[in-house]
C-alpha atoms as a PDB file:
ATOM      1  CA  MET A   1      15.774  -3.014 -81.182  1.00  0.00           C
ATOM      2  CA  THR A   2      15.338  -6.458 -79.367  1.00  0.00           C
ATOM      3  CA  ASP A   3      14.637  -7.867 -75.946  1.00  0.00           C
ATOM      4  CA  SER A   4      18.309  -8.519 -75.600  1.00  0.00           C
ATOM      5  CA  MET A   5      18.509  -4.855 -74.771  1.00  0.00           C
ATOM      6  CA  ARG A   6      20.564  -3.876 -77.605  1.00  0.00           C
ATOM      7  CA  PHE A   7      20.567  -1.502 -80.611  1.00  0.00           C
ATOM      8  CA  THR A   8      21.793  -2.867 -83.822  1.00  0.00           C
ATOM      9  CA  PRO A   9      24.003  -1.175 -85.033  1.00  0.00           C
ATOM     10  CA  GLY A  10      24.990   0.295 -81.738  1.00  0.00           C
ATOM     11  CA  GLU A  11      27.268   2.895 -83.177  1.00  0.00           C
ATOM     12  CA  ILE A  12      26.558   5.166 -86.224  1.00  0.00           C
ATOM     13  CA  SER A  13      28.777   7.745 -88.082  1.00  0.00           C
ATOM     14  CA  VAL A  14      27.510  10.931 -89.564  1.00  0.00           C
ATOM     15  CA  ARG A  15      28.905  14.228 -90.764  1.00  0.00           C
ATOM     16  CA  GLN A  16      28.283  17.612 -89.097  1.00  0.00           C
ATOM     17  CA  GLY A  17      25.372  19.337 -90.732  1.00  0.00           C
ATOM     18  CA  GLU A  18      23.944  16.056 -92.067  1.00  0.00           C
ATOM     19  CA  THR A  19      20.225  15.245 -91.606  1.00  0.00           C
ATOM     20  CA  VAL A  20      19.568  11.617 -90.770  1.00  0.00           C
ATOM     21  CA  ARG A  21      16.520   9.524 -90.571  1.00  0.00           C
ATOM     22  CA  LEU A  22      16.961   7.021 -87.790  1.00  0.00           C
ATOM     23  CA  VAL A  23      14.462   4.169 -88.370  1.00  0.00           C
ATOM     24  CA  VAL A  24      14.054   1.643 -85.732  1.00  0.00           C
ATOM     25  CA  LYS A  25      12.203  -1.433 -85.733  1.00  0.00           C
ATOM     26  CA  ASN A  26      11.098  -3.163 -82.428  1.00  0.00           C
ATOM     27  CA  SER A  27      11.404  -6.935 -82.865  1.00  0.00           C
ATOM     28  CA  GLY A  28      11.010  -7.641 -79.174  1.00  0.00           C
ATOM     29  CA  ALA A  29       8.075  -8.311 -77.189  1.00  0.00           C
ATOM     30  CA  VAL A  30       8.147  -5.188 -74.996  1.00  0.00           C
ATOM     31  CA  LYS A  31       7.985  -1.658 -75.684  1.00  0.00           C
ATOM     32  CA  HIS A  32      11.386   0.188 -76.532  1.00  0.00           C
ATOM     33  CA  GLU A  33      12.432   3.660 -77.399  1.00  0.00           C
ATOM     34  CA  LEU A  34      15.180   5.689 -78.913  1.00  0.00           C
ATOM     35  CA  VAL A  35      16.051   8.958 -77.179  1.00  0.00           C
ATOM     36  CA  LEU A  36      18.999  11.208 -78.337  1.00  0.00           C
ATOM     37  CA  GLY A  37      20.779  13.272 -75.838  1.00  0.00           C
ATOM     38  CA  THR A  38      24.021  13.793 -73.713  1.00  0.00           C
ATOM     39  CA  PRO A  39      24.903  11.173 -71.128  1.00  0.00           C
ATOM     40  CA  GLU A  40      23.802  13.581 -68.315  1.00  0.00           C
ATOM     41  CA  GLU A  41      20.438  14.151 -70.069  1.00  0.00           C
ATOM     42  CA  LEU A  42      19.808  10.567 -70.663  1.00  0.00           C
ATOM     43  CA  ARG A  43      20.580   9.592 -67.152  1.00  0.00           C
ATOM     44  CA  ALA A  44      18.430  12.289 -65.716  1.00  0.00           C
ATOM     45  CA  HIS A  45      15.476  11.263 -67.997  1.00  0.00           C
ATOM     46  CA  TYR A  46      16.036   7.665 -67.014  1.00  0.00           C
ATOM     47  CA  ALA A  47      15.823   8.500 -63.294  1.00  0.00           C
ATOM     48  CA  LEU A  48      12.445  10.171 -63.923  1.00  0.00           C
ATOM     49  CA  MET A  49      11.299   7.138 -66.055  1.00  0.00           C
ATOM     50  CA  LEU A  50      12.044   4.826 -63.104  1.00  0.00           C
ATOM     51  CA  LYS A  51       9.770   6.906 -60.834  1.00  0.00           C
ATOM     52  CA  THR A  52       6.876   7.161 -63.242  1.00  0.00           C
ATOM     53  CA  PRO A  53       7.202   3.884 -65.441  1.00  0.00           C
ATOM     54  CA  GLY A  54       3.864   4.416 -67.402  1.00  0.00           C
ATOM     55  CA  MET A  55       4.814   8.024 -68.373  1.00  0.00           C
ATOM     56  CA  GLU A  56       4.339   8.840 -72.003  1.00  0.00           C
ATOM     57  CA  HIS A  57       6.342  11.440 -73.773  1.00  0.00           C
ATOM     58  CA  ALA A  58       6.802  12.623 -77.194  1.00  0.00           C
ATOM     59  CA  ASP A  59       9.741  15.029 -78.094  1.00  0.00           C
ATOM     60  CA  ASP A  60      11.578  15.677 -81.399  1.00  0.00           C
ATOM     61  CA  ASN A  61      14.632  13.652 -80.189  1.00  0.00           C
ATOM     62  CA  MET A  62      12.876  10.392 -79.345  1.00  0.00           C
ATOM     63  CA  VAL A  63      10.597   7.687 -80.531  1.00  0.00           C
ATOM     64  CA  SER A  64       8.613   5.049 -78.561  1.00  0.00           C
ATOM     65  CA  VAL A  65       8.062   1.760 -80.481  1.00  0.00           C
ATOM     66  CA  ALA A  66       5.366  -0.932 -79.650  1.00  0.00           C
ATOM     67  CA  PRO A  67       6.488  -4.571 -80.106  1.00  0.00           C
ATOM     68  CA  GLY A  68       6.489  -5.487 -83.783  1.00  0.00           C
ATOM     69  CA  LYS A  69       6.279  -1.830 -84.904  1.00  0.00           C
ATOM     70  CA  ALA A  70       8.651   0.583 -86.354  1.00  0.00           C
ATOM     71  CA  GLY A  71       9.302   4.293 -85.796  1.00  0.00           C
ATOM     72  CA  GLU A  72      11.774   7.214 -86.783  1.00  0.00           C
ATOM     73  CA  VAL A  73      13.480  10.180 -85.665  1.00  0.00           C
ATOM     74  CA  VAL A  74      14.761  12.692 -88.194  1.00  0.00           C
ATOM     75  CA  TRP A  75      17.642  14.744 -86.630  1.00  0.00           C
ATOM     76  CA  ARG A  76      20.068  17.311 -88.029  1.00  0.00           C
ATOM     77  CA  PHE A  77      23.490  16.913 -86.408  1.00  0.00           C
ATOM     78  CA  THR A  78      24.716  20.423 -86.217  1.00  0.00           C
ATOM     79  CA  LYS A  79      27.787  19.942 -84.021  1.00  0.00           C
ATOM     80  CA  ALA A  80      30.771  17.542 -84.337  1.00  0.00           C
ATOM     81  CA  GLY A  81      31.357  15.176 -81.394  1.00  0.00           C
ATOM     82  CA  ASN A  82      29.326  12.418 -79.758  1.00  0.00           C
ATOM     83  CA  VAL A  83      25.605  12.175 -79.565  1.00  0.00           C
ATOM     84  CA  HIS A  84      24.335   9.320 -77.435  1.00  0.00           C
ATOM     85  CA  PHE A  85      21.091   7.478 -77.589  1.00  0.00           C
ATOM     86  CA  ALA A  86      19.235   5.005 -75.321  1.00  0.00           C
ATOM     87  CA  CYS A  87      16.230   3.241 -74.412  1.00  0.00           C
ATOM     88  CA  LEU A  88      14.926   4.795 -71.348  1.00  0.00           C
ATOM     89  CA  GLN A  89      12.245   2.232 -70.512  1.00  0.00           C
ATOM     90  CA  PRO A  90      12.603   1.091 -66.861  1.00  0.00           C
ATOM     91  CA  GLY A  91      15.367  -1.510 -66.705  1.00  0.00           C
ATOM     92  CA  HIS A  92      16.461  -1.192 -70.449  1.00  0.00           C
ATOM     93  CA  TYR A  93      19.118   1.661 -69.902  1.00  0.00           C
ATOM     94  CA  ASP A  94      20.764  -0.313 -67.052  1.00  0.00           C
ATOM     95  CA  ALA A  95      20.866  -3.461 -69.021  1.00  0.00           C
ATOM     96  CA  GLY A  96      23.025  -1.598 -71.733  1.00  0.00           C
ATOM     97  CA  MET A  97      20.382  -0.507 -74.318  1.00  0.00           C
ATOM     98  CA  LYS A  98      22.618   2.434 -75.394  1.00  0.00           C
ATOM     99  CA  GLY A  99      24.350   3.593 -78.426  1.00  0.00           C
ATOM    100  CA  LEU A 100      26.501   6.369 -79.968  1.00  0.00           C
ATOM    101  CA  VAL A 101      26.376   8.584 -83.043  1.00  0.00           C
ATOM    102  CA  LYS A 102      29.831   9.948 -83.870  1.00  0.00           C
ATOM    103  CA  VAL A 103      29.520  13.224 -85.705  1.00  0.00           C
ATOM    104  CA  ALA A 104      32.543  13.959 -87.792  1.00  0.00           C
ATOM    105  CA  GLN A 105      33.491  17.655 -88.203  1.00  0.00           C
ATOM    106  CA  ALA A 106      32.482  19.324 -91.558  1.00  0.00           C
ATOM    107  CA  ALA A 107      35.245  21.148 -93.418  1.00  0.00           C
ATOM    108  CA  GLY A 108      35.651  24.567 -92.102  1.00  0.00           C
ATOM    109  CA  ALA A 109      33.554  24.066 -89.061  1.00  0.00           C
ATOM    110  CA  SER A 110      34.420  24.339 -85.425  1.00  0.00           C
ATOM    111  CA  LYS A 111      34.292  21.187 -83.208  1.00  0.00           C
ATOM    112  CA  THR A 112      32.189  21.177 -80.182  1.00  0.00           C
ATOM    113  CA  ASP A 113      30.830  18.101 -78.329  1.00  0.00           C
ATOM    114  CA  GLY A 114      27.025  18.192 -78.518  1.00  0.00           C
ATOM    115  CA  HIS A 115      23.816  16.681 -79.585  1.00  0.00           C
ATOM    116  CA  GLY A 116      23.152  19.141 -82.294  1.00  0.00           C
ATOM    117  CA  GLY A 117      19.744  20.869 -82.379  1.00  0.00           C
ATOM    118  CA  HIS A 118      18.381  19.319 -79.292  1.00  0.00           C
ATOM    119  CA  LYS A 119      16.009  21.757 -77.727  1.00  0.00           C
ATOM    120  CA  HIS A 120      14.309  21.870 -74.194  1.00  0.00           C
END
């Protein structure tokens, strides 16, 4: 995470059923976050963040990271397909701070596009 509004890497590949620890370091000067979800969920959450920019939230599918700090999300990808991630701090999503987790289908499993295990 940097103030250039990019994640490095911007794309990650995992296997269905795999549990992954996503460790992010904010080497920028402003707060960033990583939120997992569908494009629709991320856009809806981002719209809410624009209305309430000081809002703090803590869910299993996200981590907020202060400048110079690190954080992590541990996630089990239960469905094959694409899981998106983004920084939903005001202005960051629009600037392109987004990424993708490609979840390869496990042998013998059915393929469904989703963001495995995400609960509301």
